Amino acid sequence: MPRPTKALECPLPPSGAPGAILVETPRLVLRRFKPDDAPALARAANHRAVWDGVRDSFPHPYTLADAEAFVATPCPDADPVKRLYPTKVAVCVKGSAGDDDEQQLVGCIGADPGQDVLYRTWELGYWLTPDAWGRGYASEAVGALLHWLLRTWPGSRRVQALTLAGNKRSAKVLARCGFVLEGVQRDAVEKAGVVQDLHVHAVLRRDVPVAG
């Protein structure tokens, strides 16, 4: 007997087309990746400081071939519903005149819904190239994606993010966006040969007024 599956309903599904804009802020555009993003993505991602804060599945060095493989299938899941989820979103800084050609790709942000009984919970993650640090872009991007996904999937109840214990910068970004440190998974991860704690941050729909 087949097991029941659960999925969030989406009244107005977002476009899955390469380059489709999901949300804009005063300074940023969050959009689907497109094939010609590969060179800019490789430049943005190829930094040890980026790798230090992400999982080991993230390549380092990050080559053009890695970037080409990443953007080749922006929404790789064959399921037409899952394909709509914002699992890969380019973070782009707008040009001075708002010209699309002047946008600068500075990182990636995304969120995945949980499975089975966790289907109302999202896990959010992001990274920005070091040259974009300290300008408020991370907080702007995280806040924008958080509000957008809660509006787009009304059945969502919780968004969480995981950070390495040493990643104080990301912890501060999440706190500014309303995330609460809920717990610490002690000695849960090994990064660069160092065993460290994993911090669990989360925000609930009821704590995000704009989400309704």
Protein backbone atom coordinates (compact mmCIF):
# COMPACT_ATOMS: atom_id res chain seq x y z
CA MET A 1 0.00 0.00 0.00
CA PRO A 2 1.52 3.36 -1.01
CA ARG A 3 2.42 5.70 1.81
CA PRO A 4 0.66 9.07 1.89
CA THR A 5 2.72 12.05 0.82
CA LYS A 6 2.35 15.61 2.02
CA ALA A 7 3.19 18.79 0.14
CA LEU A 8 2.53 22.45 0.72
CA GLU A 9 -0.12 24.01 -1.48
CA CYS A 10 0.83 27.11 -3.46
CA PRO A 11 -2.09 29.30 -4.67
CA LEU A 12 0.12 31.32 -7.05
CA PRO A 13 3.10 29.17 -8.07
CA PRO A 14 6.26 31.15 -8.89
CA SER A 15 7.93 30.80 -12.26
CA GLY A 16 10.61 28.17 -12.57
CA ALA A 17 12.08 29.75 -15.72
CA PRO A 18 15.80 30.55 -15.71
CA GLY A 19 16.31 34.16 -14.64
CA ALA A 20 12.77 34.54 -13.27
CA ILE A 21 12.62 37.15 -10.51
CA LEU A 22 11.12 35.85 -7.28
CA VAL A 23 11.43 38.93 -5.09
CA GLU A 24 13.06 42.37 -5.13
CA THR A 25 14.25 44.65 -2.36
CA PRO A 26 15.48 48.25 -2.58
CA ARG A 27 19.00 47.03 -3.38
CA LEU A 28 18.70 43.39 -4.38
CA VAL A 29 17.09 41.07 -6.90
CA LEU A 30 16.52 37.45 -5.90
CA ARG A 31 16.03 35.39 -9.05
CA ARG A 32 16.45 31.96 -10.56
CA PHE A 33 19.91 31.16 -11.85
CA LYS A 34 20.47 31.08 -15.59
CA PRO A 35 23.23 29.40 -17.62
CA ASP A 36 25.22 32.56 -18.29
CA ASP A 37 25.57 33.18 -14.54
CA ALA A 38 28.31 30.55 -14.34
CA PRO A 39 31.38 32.83 -14.60
CA ALA A 40 30.03 35.31 -12.04
CA LEU A 41 28.99 32.47 -9.74
CA ALA A 42 32.45 30.91 -9.87
CA ARG A 43 34.07 34.26 -9.02
CA ALA A 44 31.70 34.84 -6.11
CA ALA A 45 31.95 31.34 -4.66
CA ASN A 46 35.66 30.62 -5.02
CA HIS A 47 36.75 31.85 -1.59
CA ARG A 48 37.91 29.86 1.42
CA ALA A 49 35.91 32.22 3.63
CA VAL A 50 32.72 31.11 1.86
CA TRP A 51 33.58 27.42 2.16
CA ASP A 52 34.35 27.78 5.87
CA GLY A 53 30.68 28.48 6.60
CA VAL A 54 28.97 25.89 4.40
CA ARG A 55 28.79 22.12 4.04
CA ASP A 56 31.63 20.13 2.51
CA SER A 57 29.46 19.27 -0.51
CA PHE A 58 30.12 22.88 -1.57
CA PRO A 59 33.25 22.64 -3.77
CA HIS A 60 36.52 24.36 -2.92
CA PRO A 61 38.20 25.51 -5.03
CA TYR A 62 34.97 26.45 -6.82
CA THR A 63 35.72 26.18 -10.53
CA LEU A 64 33.89 27.36 -13.62
CA ALA A 65 32.94 23.73 -14.27
CA ASP A 66 31.36 23.55 -10.80
CA ALA A 67 29.37 26.69 -11.52
CA GLU A 68 28.27 25.46 -14.94
CA ALA A 69 27.01 22.22 -13.42
CA PHE A 70 25.16 24.12 -10.70
CA VAL A 71 23.31 26.49 -13.04
CA ALA A 72 22.68 23.97 -15.83
CA THR A 73 19.49 22.76 -14.17
CA PRO A 74 18.16 25.55 -11.91
CA CYS A 75 15.24 23.36 -10.76
CA PRO A 76 16.51 19.81 -11.23
CA ASP A 77 13.70 17.91 -9.51
CA ALA A 78 11.41 16.13 -11.95
CA ASP A 79 8.39 16.72 -9.71
CA PRO A 80 6.51 19.73 -11.20
CA VAL A 81 5.50 20.88 -7.72
CA LYS A 82 8.93 20.60 -6.10
CA ARG A 83 10.42 22.36 -9.11
CA LEU A 84 8.72 25.54 -7.90
CA TYR A 85 10.47 25.60 -4.56
CA PRO A 86 13.18 28.30 -4.16
CA THR A 87 16.00 25.83 -3.73
CA LYS A 88 18.49 27.87 -5.75
CA VAL A 89 18.17 31.63 -5.92
CA ALA A 90 20.81 34.08 -7.12
CA VAL A 91 21.40 37.12 -4.93
CA CYS A 92 22.13 40.08 -7.21
CA VAL A 93 22.91 43.68 -6.33
CA LYS A 94 21.03 46.12 -8.53
CA GLY A 95 22.90 48.45 -10.85
CA SER A 96 23.01 52.17 -10.16
CA ALA A 97 20.27 52.84 -12.72
CA GLY A 98 18.32 49.65 -12.07
CA ASP A 99 19.60 48.18 -15.35
CA ASP A 100 19.44 44.38 -15.40
CA ASP A 101 22.75 44.27 -17.29
CA GLU A 102 24.47 46.02 -14.37
CA GLN A 103 23.33 43.54 -11.74
CA GLN A 104 26.17 41.96 -9.79
CA LEU A 105 25.76 38.36 -8.62
CA VAL A 106 27.08 38.24 -5.05
CA GLY A 107 25.78 34.96 -3.68
CA CYS A 108 23.07 32.38 -3.35
CA ILE A 109 20.12 31.86 -1.02
CA GLY A 110 17.53 29.12 -0.90
CA ALA A 111 15.08 27.14 1.17
CA ASP A 112 13.81 23.57 1.08
CA PRO A 113 10.62 22.24 2.66
CA GLY A 114 10.85 19.33 5.05
CA GLN A 115 9.56 15.88 4.26
CA ASP A 116 6.87 13.70 5.82
CA VAL A 117 5.71 15.16 9.16
CA LEU A 118 8.12 18.09 8.70
CA TYR A 119 6.49 19.31 5.50
CA ARG A 120 5.38 22.61 7.06
CA THR A 121 8.95 23.44 8.06
CA TRP A 122 11.48 25.04 5.72
CA GLU A 123 15.26 25.02 6.05
CA LEU A 124 16.93 28.17 4.78
CA GLY A 125 20.55 28.61 3.79
CA TYR A 126 22.66 31.22 2.07
CA TRP A 127 26.15 32.45 1.33
CA LEU A 128 27.59 35.73 0.03
CA THR A 129 30.96 36.49 -1.50
CA PRO A 130 33.28 38.20 1.02
CA ASP A 131 33.33 41.50 -0.91
CA ALA A 132 29.60 41.79 -0.18
CA TRP A 133 29.94 41.27 3.57
CA GLY A 134 29.27 44.09 6.01
CA ARG A 135 26.83 45.95 3.76
CA GLY A 136 23.56 44.55 5.04
CA TYR A 137 22.92 42.48 1.92
CA ALA A 138 22.62 39.21 3.83
CA SER A 139 19.97 40.55 6.20
CA GLU A 140 18.12 42.11 3.28
CA ALA A 141 18.14 38.86 1.30
CA VAL A 142 17.21 36.59 4.22
CA GLY A 143 14.38 38.87 5.32
CA ALA A 144 13.02 39.15 1.79
CA LEU A 145 13.08 35.41 1.08
CA LEU A 146 11.57 34.63 4.49
CA HIS A 147 8.56 36.90 3.93
CA TRP A 148 8.17 35.79 0.31
CA LEU A 149 8.08 32.07 1.01
CA LEU A 150 5.62 32.47 3.90
CA ARG A 151 3.31 34.46 1.64
CA THR A 152 3.74 32.09 -1.30
CA TRP A 153 3.15 28.92 0.74
CA PRO A 154 0.43 29.89 3.27
CA GLY A 155 0.62 26.46 4.90
CA SER A 156 4.20 27.04 6.04
CA ARG A 157 4.57 27.28 9.79
CA ARG A 158 8.28 27.42 10.50
CA VAL A 159 11.57 28.38 8.86
CA GLN A 160 14.82 27.19 10.37
CA ALA A 161 18.50 27.66 9.62
CA LEU A 162 21.58 25.80 10.82
CA THR A 163 24.92 27.47 11.49
CA LEU A 164 28.31 26.20 12.55
CA ALA A 165 29.23 27.34 16.05
CA GLY A 166 32.05 29.47 14.68
CA ASN A 167 29.87 31.28 12.17
CA LYS A 168 28.99 34.27 14.35
CA ARG A 169 28.34 36.50 11.36
CA SER A 170 25.47 34.35 10.06
CA ALA A 171 24.04 33.96 13.55
CA LYS A 172 23.79 37.75 13.81
CA VAL A 173 22.13 37.99 10.40
CA LEU A 174 19.50 35.45 11.40
CA ALA A 175 18.85 37.22 14.72
CA ARG A 176 18.28 40.51 12.89
CA CYS A 177 15.70 38.75 10.73
CA GLY A 178 13.75 37.44 13.72
CA PHE A 179 15.26 33.97 14.07
CA VAL A 180 15.66 32.64 17.60
CA LEU A 181 18.47 30.33 18.69
CA GLU A 182 16.48 27.27 19.75
CA GLY A 183 19.21 24.83 20.57
CA VAL A 184 22.71 23.49 20.15
CA GLN A 185 23.56 20.10 18.71
CA ARG A 186 26.82 19.41 20.52
CA ASP A 187 29.78 18.04 18.55
CA ALA A 188 27.43 17.45 15.63
CA VAL A 189 29.69 18.43 12.74
CA GLU A 190 33.28 18.27 11.58
CA LYS A 191 34.49 21.11 9.38
CA ALA A 192 38.08 21.43 8.20
CA GLY A 193 39.10 18.74 10.66
CA VAL A 194 37.53 20.48 13.66
CA VAL A 195 34.56 18.97 15.50
CA GLN A 196 32.14 21.68 16.57
CA ASP A 197 28.57 22.37 17.63
CA LEU A 198 25.71 23.04 15.24
CA HIS A 199 23.28 25.83 16.16
CA VAL A 200 19.58 25.65 15.29
CA HIS A 201 17.83 28.97 14.62
CA ALA A 202 14.14 29.28 13.75
CA VAL A 203 11.28 31.71 13.26
CA LEU A 204 7.57 30.88 13.30
CA ARG A 205 4.90 32.25 10.99
CA ARG A 206 3.06 33.85 13.91
CA ASP A 207 6.21 35.86 14.69
CA VAL A 208 6.38 37.36 11.18
CA PRO A 209 3.51 39.91 10.99
CA VAL A 210 3.88 40.63 7.28
CA ALA A 211 3.36 36.96 6.47
CA GLY A 212 -0.19 37.03 7.83
